C-alpha atoms as a PDB file:
ATOM      1  CA  VAL A   1       6.651  50.668  39.399  1.00  0.00           C
ATOM      2  CA  VAL A   2       4.133  52.670  41.424  1.00  0.00           C
ATOM      3  CA  LEU A   3       2.507  51.237  44.562  1.00  0.00           C
ATOM      4  CA  LYS A   4      -0.786  52.464  45.993  1.00  0.00           C
ATOM      5  CA  GLU A   5      -2.177  51.116  49.244  1.00  0.00           C
ATOM      6  CA  THR A   6      -5.836  50.115  49.069  1.00  0.00           C
ATOM      7  CA  SER A   7      -8.393  49.107  51.661  1.00  0.00           C
ATOM      8  CA  TYR A   8     -11.613  47.204  52.197  1.00  0.00           C
ATOM      9  CA  ALA A   9     -13.580  50.470  51.892  1.00  0.00           C
ATOM     10  CA  ASN A  10     -12.776  50.775  48.180  1.00  0.00           C
ATOM     11  CA  GLY A  11     -12.997  47.081  47.337  1.00  0.00           C
ATOM     12  CA  PHE A  12      -9.237  46.573  47.550  1.00  0.00           C
ATOM     13  CA  GLY A  13      -8.804  48.456  44.265  1.00  0.00           C
ATOM     14  CA  LEU A  14     -10.886  46.085  42.144  1.00  0.00           C
ATOM     15  CA  SER A  15     -12.757  48.913  40.390  1.00  0.00           C
ATOM     16  CA  GLN A  16      -9.490  50.750  39.616  1.00  0.00           C
ATOM     17  CA  GLN A  17      -8.048  47.560  38.181  1.00  0.00           C
ATOM     18  CA  ARG A  18     -11.110  47.038  35.957  1.00  0.00           C
ATOM     19  CA  VAL A  19     -11.004  50.616  34.657  1.00  0.00           C
ATOM     20  CA  ASP A  20      -7.308  50.243  33.866  1.00  0.00           C
ATOM     21  CA  ARG A  21      -7.997  47.096  31.843  1.00  0.00           C
ATOM     22  CA  MET A  22     -10.625  48.959  29.771  1.00  0.00           C
ATOM     23  CA  LYS A  23      -8.331  51.889  28.878  1.00  0.00           C
ATOM     24  CA  PRO A  24      -7.109  50.363  25.566  1.00  0.00           C
ATOM     25  CA  LEU A  25     -10.721  50.371  24.337  1.00  0.00           C
ATOM     26  CA  PHE A  26     -10.485  54.183  24.396  1.00  0.00           C
ATOM     27  CA  GLY A  27      -6.958  54.465  23.006  1.00  0.00           C
ATOM     28  CA  ILE A  28      -5.327  55.083  26.402  1.00  0.00           C
ATOM     29  CA  ASN A  29      -2.291  53.162  27.633  1.00  0.00           C
ATOM     30  CA  ALA A  30      -3.180  50.757  30.415  1.00  0.00           C
ATOM     31  CA  MET A  31      -0.839  50.769  33.395  1.00  0.00           C
ATOM     32  CA  ASP A  32      -0.976  46.963  33.780  1.00  0.00           C
ATOM     33  CA  THR A  33      -2.496  47.205  37.249  1.00  0.00           C
ATOM     34  CA  ARG A  34      -2.044  44.210  39.547  1.00  0.00           C
ATOM     35  CA  ARG A  35      -3.143  43.663  43.117  1.00  0.00           C
ATOM     36  CA  VAL A  36      -0.692  42.194  45.610  1.00  0.00           C
ATOM     37  CA  ARG A  37      -0.864  41.461  49.317  1.00  0.00           C
ATOM     38  CA  LEU A  38       2.225  42.371  51.353  1.00  0.00           C
ATOM     39  CA  ASN A  39       2.791  41.696  55.016  1.00  0.00           C
ATOM     40  CA  ALA A  40       3.871  45.261  55.826  1.00  0.00           C
ATOM     41  CA  SER A  41       2.841  48.838  55.170  1.00  0.00           C
ATOM     42  CA  LEU A  42       4.918  52.014  55.159  1.00  0.00           C
ATOM     43  CA  ARG A  43       4.059  54.855  57.511  1.00  0.00           C
ATOM     44  CA  LYS A  44       5.737  58.263  57.804  1.00  0.00           C
ATOM     45  CA  ILE A  45       7.504  58.953  61.082  1.00  0.00           C
ATOM     46  CA  ASN A  46       6.883  62.704  60.814  1.00  0.00           C
ATOM     47  CA  ALA A  47       3.675  63.281  58.850  1.00  0.00           C
ATOM     48  CA  SER A  48       4.198  67.068  58.742  1.00  0.00           C
ATOM     49  CA  ASN A  49       7.312  66.515  56.596  1.00  0.00           C
ATOM     50  CA  LYS A  50       6.059  65.862  53.049  1.00  0.00           C
ATOM     51  CA  SER A  51       9.266  64.126  51.982  1.00  0.00           C
ATOM     52  CA  TRP A  52       9.849  60.438  52.638  1.00  0.00           C
ATOM     53  CA  VAL A  53      13.524  61.249  53.402  1.00  0.00           C
ATOM     54  CA  PHE A  54      14.773  63.806  55.942  1.00  0.00           C
ATOM     55  CA  SER A  55      17.257  66.491  54.822  1.00  0.00           C
ATOM     56  CA  ASP A  56      20.119  64.597  56.522  1.00  0.00           C
ATOM     57  CA  GLY A  57      19.341  61.525  54.391  1.00  0.00           C
ATOM     58  CA  THR A  58      17.683  59.392  57.060  1.00  0.00           C
ATOM     59  CA  PRO A  59      14.372  57.799  56.088  1.00  0.00           C
ATOM     60  CA  ASN A  60      11.119  59.422  57.206  1.00  0.00           C
ATOM     61  CA  TRP A  61       9.286  56.109  57.196  1.00  0.00           C
ATOM     62  CA  GLU A  62       8.962  52.911  59.117  1.00  0.00           C
ATOM     63  CA  ALA A  63       7.675  49.510  58.061  1.00  0.00           C
ATOM     64  CA  THR A  64       4.705  48.328  60.108  1.00  0.00           C
ATOM     65  CA  GLN A  65       4.197  44.567  60.016  1.00  0.00           C
ATOM     66  CA  THR A  66       0.598  43.668  59.086  1.00  0.00           C
ATOM     67  CA  ALA A  67       0.898  39.917  58.552  1.00  0.00           C
ATOM     68  CA  GLN A  68      -1.005  39.115  61.763  1.00  0.00           C
ATOM     69  CA  SER A  69      -4.047  41.039  60.499  1.00  0.00           C
ATOM     70  CA  GLY A  70      -3.993  39.498  57.007  1.00  0.00           C
ATOM     71  CA  GLY A  71      -1.527  41.827  55.293  1.00  0.00           C
ATOM     72  CA  THR A  72      -1.925  45.025  53.310  1.00  0.00           C
ATOM     73  CA  VAL A  73      -3.291  45.123  49.752  1.00  0.00           C
ATOM     74  CA  TYR A  74      -1.499  47.316  47.209  1.00  0.00           C
ATOM     75  CA  LEU A  75      -2.171  48.172  43.603  1.00  0.00           C
ATOM     76  CA  VAL A  76       0.966  47.909  41.477  1.00  0.00           C
ATOM     77  CA  PHE A  77       1.051  50.167  38.418  1.00  0.00           C
ATOM     78  CA  ARG A  78       3.548  50.371  35.584  1.00  0.00           C
ATOM     79  CA  ASP A  79       5.092  53.843  35.494  1.00  0.00           C
ATOM     80  CA  TYR A  80       5.249  55.482  32.064  1.00  0.00           C
ATOM     81  CA  ALA A  81       6.937  58.667  33.354  1.00  0.00           C
ATOM     82  CA  ASN A  82       8.794  60.562  30.622  1.00  0.00           C
ATOM     83  CA  GLY A  83       8.685  57.564  28.314  1.00  0.00           C
ATOM     84  CA  ALA A  84      11.683  56.057  30.109  1.00  0.00           C
ATOM     85  CA  PRO A  85      12.090  52.278  30.218  1.00  0.00           C
ATOM     86  CA  VAL A  86      10.209  50.859  33.170  1.00  0.00           C
ATOM     87  CA  THR A  87      11.196  48.269  35.738  1.00  0.00           C
ATOM     88  CA  THR A  88       8.745  45.406  35.694  1.00  0.00           C
ATOM     89  CA  LEU A  89       7.389  43.832  38.837  1.00  0.00           C
ATOM     90  CA  SER A  90       9.056  40.526  37.929  1.00  0.00           C
ATOM     91  CA  GLN A  91      12.416  42.327  37.872  1.00  0.00           C
ATOM     92  CA  LEU A  92      11.780  43.673  41.376  1.00  0.00           C
ATOM     93  CA  GLU A  93      10.592  40.415  42.927  1.00  0.00           C
ATOM     94  CA  GLY A  94      13.099  39.042  45.386  1.00  0.00           C
ATOM     95  CA  THR A  95      14.927  42.354  45.825  1.00  0.00           C
ATOM     96  CA  VAL A  96      13.573  43.119  49.314  1.00  0.00           C
ATOM     97  CA  LYS A  97      16.439  43.644  51.764  1.00  0.00           C
ATOM     98  CA  ARG A  98      16.868  40.905  54.339  1.00  0.00           C
ATOM     99  CA  ASN A  99      15.528  41.547  57.846  1.00  0.00           C
ATOM    100  CA  LYS A 100      13.697  44.697  56.738  1.00  0.00           C
ATOM    101  CA  VAL A 101      10.329  44.024  55.122  1.00  0.00           C
ATOM    102  CA  LYS A 102       9.558  40.406  54.357  1.00  0.00           C
ATOM    103  CA  PRO A 103       8.046  39.779  50.898  1.00  0.00           C
ATOM    104  CA  GLY A 104       4.361  38.988  50.719  1.00  0.00           C
ATOM    105  CA  GLY A 105       2.565  36.127  49.087  1.00  0.00           C
ATOM    106  CA  GLY A 106       2.672  37.525  45.545  1.00  0.00           C
ATOM    107  CA  PRO A 107      -0.347  38.329  43.380  1.00  0.00           C
ATOM    108  CA  MET A 108      -3.709  38.046  45.077  1.00  0.00           C
ATOM    109  CA  TYR A 109      -5.735  37.113  42.011  1.00  0.00           C
END
């Protein structure tokens, strides 16, 4: 699964979702794009470090709670990398660690 944060400026990813749904008309695999609203977003602690994990293994990210402002909208894509079997979103639901990032309200639309 691939997550991409979206914003109001680009219509919360609606146009990307529509294009993805039209891909089969042109013989291209659709990535089964879905929009979800989560109550947190991930931000890098050290933006100059391109990796999300420091060399000593500690995470280079922090979860910022956004529930008070209405949450953060993400596009969820299926990952077809290397033709390997993919993990579906339904398999991932409910796997959020306790007391870290609380799960959002599920699919928006």
